[in-house]
Amino acid sequence: MKATKVKGKSNKHKVLLYALSTCVWCKKAKKLLADNSIEYEYVDVDLCSDGEYEQIRDDITRRGGHVSFPTLIIDDEKLITGFDEDEIREALEI
C-alpha cells in the first residue's frame, strides 16, 4: 500500500489518514489538515487492492479501532475514527 504525502508547515505529529476517495467526511478531514497546514499521509482505501485492504483492516483493528472511515492515526499511538473535529484539533494541538 502506498501512502500519498501532503506537505505542510506543521510536522510536529506524524499523521496517517485512512480514507475513502468518495467520502464527504474523509474530504472534510483532509481539508481540516490542509487548512491548518498539517503535514500528513493518506491512503484512499477504496482504490487499494484486496490484499492492501486486508493490511489496512488489520492495522486498524490491531490498534483497537473498528474499520470505518476516516480513520486517523497520530504519532502511531492515537487512533481517531470518524470526523470528530474537536478530537482531531486537540490531538494535533491546533
N, C-alpha and C. Protein backbone atom coordinates (compact mmCIF):
# COMPACT_ATOMS: atom_id res chain seq x y z
N MET A 1 0.86 -1.17 0.00
CA MET A 1 0.00 0.00 0.00
C MET A 1 0.90 1.23 0.00
N LYS A 2 0.60 2.15 -0.86
CA LYS A 2 1.39 3.37 -0.97
C LYS A 2 0.59 4.55 -0.46
N ALA A 3 1.15 5.22 0.52
CA ALA A 3 0.50 6.41 1.06
C ALA A 3 0.95 7.63 0.26
N THR A 4 0.04 8.57 0.09
CA THR A 4 0.35 9.84 -0.57
C THR A 4 0.70 10.85 0.50
N LYS A 5 1.83 11.52 0.33
CA LYS A 5 2.27 12.51 1.31
C LYS A 5 1.79 13.90 0.90
N VAL A 6 1.25 14.62 1.86
CA VAL A 6 0.81 16.00 1.65
C VAL A 6 1.69 16.88 2.54
N LYS A 7 2.44 17.75 1.91
CA LYS A 7 3.35 18.63 2.64
C LYS A 7 2.56 19.67 3.43
N GLY A 8 3.12 20.05 4.55
CA GLY A 8 2.53 21.09 5.37
C GLY A 8 3.60 21.75 6.21
N LYS A 9 3.32 22.92 6.71
CA LYS A 9 4.29 23.65 7.53
C LYS A 9 4.47 22.99 8.89
N SER A 10 3.41 22.34 9.38
CA SER A 10 3.47 21.71 10.70
C SER A 10 3.69 20.21 10.56
N ASN A 11 4.85 19.75 11.02
CA ASN A 11 5.11 18.31 11.01
C ASN A 11 5.45 17.83 12.42
N LYS A 12 4.85 18.49 13.40
CA LYS A 12 5.05 18.16 14.81
C LYS A 12 4.57 16.75 15.13
N HIS A 13 3.53 16.33 14.42
CA HIS A 13 2.95 15.00 14.62
C HIS A 13 3.01 14.21 13.32
N LYS A 14 3.18 12.90 13.47
CA LYS A 14 3.10 12.00 12.32
C LYS A 14 1.62 11.64 12.17
N VAL A 15 1.05 11.96 11.00
CA VAL A 15 -0.38 11.75 10.80
C VAL A 15 -0.60 10.85 9.59
N LEU A 16 -1.34 9.77 9.80
CA LEU A 16 -1.74 8.87 8.72
C LEU A 16 -3.26 8.86 8.69
N LEU A 17 -3.81 9.07 7.52
CA LEU A 17 -5.26 9.10 7.33
C LEU A 17 -5.67 7.98 6.39
N TYR A 18 -6.52 7.08 6.88
CA TYR A 18 -7.15 6.09 6.01
C TYR A 18 -8.50 6.68 5.62
N ALA A 19 -8.73 6.80 4.32
CA ALA A 19 -9.93 7.48 3.83
C ALA A 19 -10.54 6.71 2.65
N LEU A 20 -11.71 7.17 2.25
CA LEU A 20 -12.35 6.70 1.01
C LEU A 20 -12.38 7.90 0.07
N SER A 21 -12.08 7.68 -1.19
CA SER A 21 -11.97 8.79 -2.13
C SER A 21 -13.29 9.53 -2.35
N THR A 22 -14.41 8.88 -2.07
CA THR A 22 -15.72 9.49 -2.32
C THR A 22 -16.45 9.93 -1.05
N CYS A 23 -15.80 9.78 0.10
CA CYS A 23 -16.43 10.04 1.39
C CYS A 23 -16.38 11.52 1.76
N VAL A 24 -17.53 12.11 2.02
CA VAL A 24 -17.61 13.52 2.40
C VAL A 24 -16.84 13.79 3.69
N TRP A 25 -16.97 12.92 4.68
CA TRP A 25 -16.29 13.12 5.96
C TRP A 25 -14.78 12.99 5.81
N CYS A 26 -14.35 12.10 4.92
CA CYS A 26 -12.91 11.95 4.65
C CYS A 26 -12.37 13.22 3.99
N LYS A 27 -13.16 13.80 3.08
CA LYS A 27 -12.74 15.05 2.43
C LYS A 27 -12.67 16.18 3.46
N LYS A 28 -13.59 16.18 4.42
CA LYS A 28 -13.55 17.19 5.48
C LYS A 28 -12.29 17.03 6.33
N ALA A 29 -11.91 15.80 6.61
CA ALA A 29 -10.69 15.56 7.39
C ALA A 29 -9.47 16.06 6.62
N LYS A 30 -9.40 15.76 5.34
CA LYS A 30 -8.28 16.24 4.51
C LYS A 30 -8.26 17.76 4.48
N LYS A 31 -9.42 18.37 4.36
CA LYS A 31 -9.50 19.84 4.31
C LYS A 31 -9.06 20.46 5.64
N LEU A 32 -9.48 19.87 6.74
CA LEU A 32 -9.07 20.37 8.06
C LEU A 32 -7.55 20.33 8.19
N LEU A 33 -6.95 19.23 7.77
CA LEU A 33 -5.50 19.11 7.84
C LEU A 33 -4.83 20.13 6.92
N ALA A 34 -5.33 20.25 5.71
CA ALA A 34 -4.74 21.20 4.74
C ALA A 34 -4.92 22.64 5.20
N ASP A 35 -6.09 22.99 5.69
CA ASP A 35 -6.36 24.36 6.14
C ASP A 35 -5.46 24.78 7.29
N ASN A 36 -4.99 23.79 8.05
CA ASN A 36 -4.12 24.08 9.19
C ASN A 36 -2.65 23.74 8.88
N SER A 37 -2.38 23.52 7.60
CA SER A 37 -1.02 23.25 7.10
C SER A 37 -0.34 22.11 7.85
N ILE A 38 -1.11 21.05 8.12
CA ILE A 38 -0.58 19.87 8.80
C ILE A 38 -0.03 18.92 7.74
N GLU A 39 1.21 18.51 7.91
CA GLU A 39 1.78 17.52 7.00
C GLU A 39 1.19 16.15 7.37
N TYR A 40 0.77 15.41 6.36
CA TYR A 40 0.17 14.10 6.64
C TYR A 40 0.31 13.19 5.43
N GLU A 41 0.05 11.92 5.67
CA GLU A 41 -0.02 10.93 4.60
C GLU A 41 -1.41 10.33 4.62
N TYR A 42 -1.89 9.97 3.43
CA TYR A 42 -3.21 9.34 3.38
C TYR A 42 -3.22 8.20 2.38
N VAL A 43 -4.15 7.28 2.62
CA VAL A 43 -4.40 6.17 1.72
C VAL A 43 -5.89 6.16 1.44
N ASP A 44 -6.26 6.26 0.15
CA ASP A 44 -7.66 6.10 -0.24
C ASP A 44 -7.92 4.60 -0.35
N VAL A 45 -8.51 4.05 0.68
CA VAL A 45 -8.65 2.61 0.84
C VAL A 45 -9.47 1.98 -0.29
N ASP A 46 -10.47 2.71 -0.79
CA ASP A 46 -11.31 2.14 -1.85
C ASP A 46 -10.55 1.99 -3.17
N LEU A 47 -9.38 2.58 -3.28
CA LEU A 47 -8.58 2.47 -4.50
C LEU A 47 -7.46 1.43 -4.35
N CYS A 48 -7.42 0.75 -3.21
CA CYS A 48 -6.40 -0.26 -2.93
C CYS A 48 -6.84 -1.64 -3.43
N SER A 49 -5.87 -2.51 -3.54
CA SER A 49 -6.17 -3.91 -3.89
C SER A 49 -6.80 -4.59 -2.67
N ASP A 50 -7.36 -5.78 -2.90
CA ASP A 50 -7.96 -6.53 -1.79
C ASP A 50 -6.92 -6.84 -0.72
N GLY A 51 -5.72 -7.20 -1.13
CA GLY A 51 -4.66 -7.52 -0.18
C GLY A 51 -4.27 -6.31 0.65
N GLU A 52 -4.19 -5.16 0.02
CA GLU A 52 -3.86 -3.93 0.74
C GLU A 52 -4.98 -3.57 1.72
N TYR A 53 -6.23 -3.76 1.30
CA TYR A 53 -7.36 -3.50 2.19
C TYR A 53 -7.26 -4.37 3.44
N GLU A 54 -6.89 -5.64 3.25
CA GLU A 54 -6.74 -6.55 4.39
C GLU A 54 -5.66 -6.03 5.35
N GLN A 55 -4.55 -5.53 4.82
CA GLN A 55 -3.47 -4.98 5.65
C GLN A 55 -3.97 -3.78 6.45
N ILE A 56 -4.73 -2.91 5.78
CA ILE A 56 -5.26 -1.71 6.44
C ILE A 56 -6.25 -2.11 7.53
N ARG A 57 -7.14 -3.03 7.20
CA ARG A 57 -8.12 -3.50 8.19
C ARG A 57 -7.41 -4.08 9.40
N ASP A 58 -6.37 -4.88 9.16
CA ASP A 58 -5.61 -5.48 10.26
C ASP A 58 -4.91 -4.40 11.09
N ASP A 59 -4.37 -3.38 10.42
CA ASP A 59 -3.68 -2.29 11.11
C ASP A 59 -4.65 -1.56 12.05
N ILE A 60 -5.83 -1.25 11.55
CA ILE A 60 -6.82 -0.52 12.34
C ILE A 60 -7.29 -1.37 13.53
N THR A 61 -7.62 -2.63 13.29
CA THR A 61 -8.13 -3.47 14.38
C THR A 61 -7.04 -3.80 15.40
N ARG A 62 -5.80 -3.95 14.94
CA ARG A 62 -4.68 -4.22 15.86
C ARG A 62 -4.50 -3.06 16.83
N ARG A 63 -4.83 -1.85 16.37
CA ARG A 63 -4.70 -0.66 17.22
C ARG A 63 -5.94 -0.44 18.10
N GLY A 64 -6.89 -1.35 18.02
CA GLY A 64 -8.08 -1.26 18.87
C GLY A 64 -9.25 -0.52 18.25
N GLY A 65 -9.15 -0.19 16.97
CA GLY A 65 -10.23 0.52 16.29
C GLY A 65 -11.15 -0.42 15.54
N HIS A 66 -12.19 0.15 14.97
CA HIS A 66 -13.05 -0.62 14.09
C HIS A 66 -12.94 0.02 12.70
N VAL A 67 -13.20 -0.76 11.69
CA VAL A 67 -12.97 -0.32 10.32
C VAL A 67 -14.09 0.62 9.89
N SER A 68 -13.76 1.89 9.86
CA SER A 68 -14.67 2.94 9.45
C SER A 68 -13.82 4.11 8.98
N PHE A 69 -14.37 4.94 8.14
CA PHE A 69 -13.57 5.99 7.54
C PHE A 69 -14.24 7.35 7.69
N PRO A 70 -13.44 8.39 7.93
CA PRO A 70 -11.98 8.40 8.02
C PRO A 70 -11.48 7.81 9.33
N THR A 71 -10.26 7.28 9.28
CA THR A 71 -9.54 6.87 10.47
C THR A 71 -8.20 7.58 10.44
N LEU A 72 -7.91 8.31 11.49
CA LEU A 72 -6.62 8.99 11.62
C LEU A 72 -5.79 8.28 12.67
N ILE A 73 -4.51 8.11 12.37
CA ILE A 73 -3.56 7.56 13.33
C ILE A 73 -2.50 8.63 13.53
N ILE A 74 -2.38 9.08 14.76
CA ILE A 74 -1.49 10.19 15.08
C ILE A 74 -0.35 9.67 15.95
N ASP A 75 0.87 9.91 15.46
CA ASP A 75 2.09 9.51 16.17
C ASP A 75 2.12 8.01 16.47
N ASP A 76 1.52 7.21 15.63
CA ASP A 76 1.47 5.75 15.78
C ASP A 76 0.83 5.31 17.10
N GLU A 77 0.13 6.23 17.78
CA GLU A 77 -0.44 5.91 19.08
C GLU A 77 -1.94 6.18 19.17
N LYS A 78 -2.34 7.37 18.78
CA LYS A 78 -3.74 7.77 18.94
C LYS A 78 -4.52 7.46 17.67
N LEU A 79 -5.63 6.77 17.83
CA LEU A 79 -6.50 6.43 16.71
C LEU A 79 -7.82 7.18 16.87
N ILE A 80 -8.21 7.90 15.82
CA ILE A 80 -9.48 8.61 15.82
C ILE A 80 -10.31 8.08 14.66
N THR A 81 -11.46 7.54 14.98
CA THR A 81 -12.36 7.01 13.95
C THR A 81 -13.49 8.01 13.73
N GLY A 82 -13.73 8.34 12.46
CA GLY A 82 -14.77 9.29 12.12
C GLY A 82 -14.23 10.71 12.15
N PHE A 83 -15.03 11.63 11.64
CA PHE A 83 -14.62 13.03 11.61
C PHE A 83 -15.12 13.72 12.87
N ASP A 84 -14.27 13.74 13.88
CA ASP A 84 -14.57 14.43 15.13
C ASP A 84 -13.60 15.61 15.19
N GLU A 85 -14.04 16.75 14.67
CA GLU A 85 -13.15 17.90 14.52
C GLU A 85 -12.49 18.31 15.83
N ASP A 86 -13.24 18.34 16.91
CA ASP A 86 -12.68 18.74 18.20
C ASP A 86 -11.58 17.78 18.65
N GLU A 87 -11.83 16.49 18.51
CA GLU A 87 -10.84 15.50 18.93
C GLU A 87 -9.58 15.58 18.05
N ILE A 88 -9.78 15.80 16.75
CA ILE A 88 -8.63 15.93 15.84
C ILE A 88 -7.82 17.17 16.20
N ARG A 89 -8.50 18.28 16.42
CA ARG A 89 -7.80 19.54 16.78
C ARG A 89 -7.03 19.36 18.09
N GLU A 90 -7.64 18.72 19.06
CA GLU A 90 -6.98 18.51 20.35
C GLU A 90 -5.74 17.64 20.18
N ALA A 91 -5.86 16.55 19.44
CA ALA A 91 -4.75 15.62 19.26
C ALA A 91 -3.59 16.28 18.51
N LEU A 92 -3.92 17.17 17.57
CA LEU A 92 -2.89 17.82 16.77
C LEU A 92 -2.47 19.20 17.32
N GLU A 93 -3.13 19.58 18.42
CA GLU A 93 -2.81 20.85 19.07
C GLU A 93 -3.00 22.05 18.12
N ILE A 94 -4.16 22.06 17.46
CA ILE A 94 -4.47 23.19 16.54
C ILE A 94 -5.76 23.86 16.98
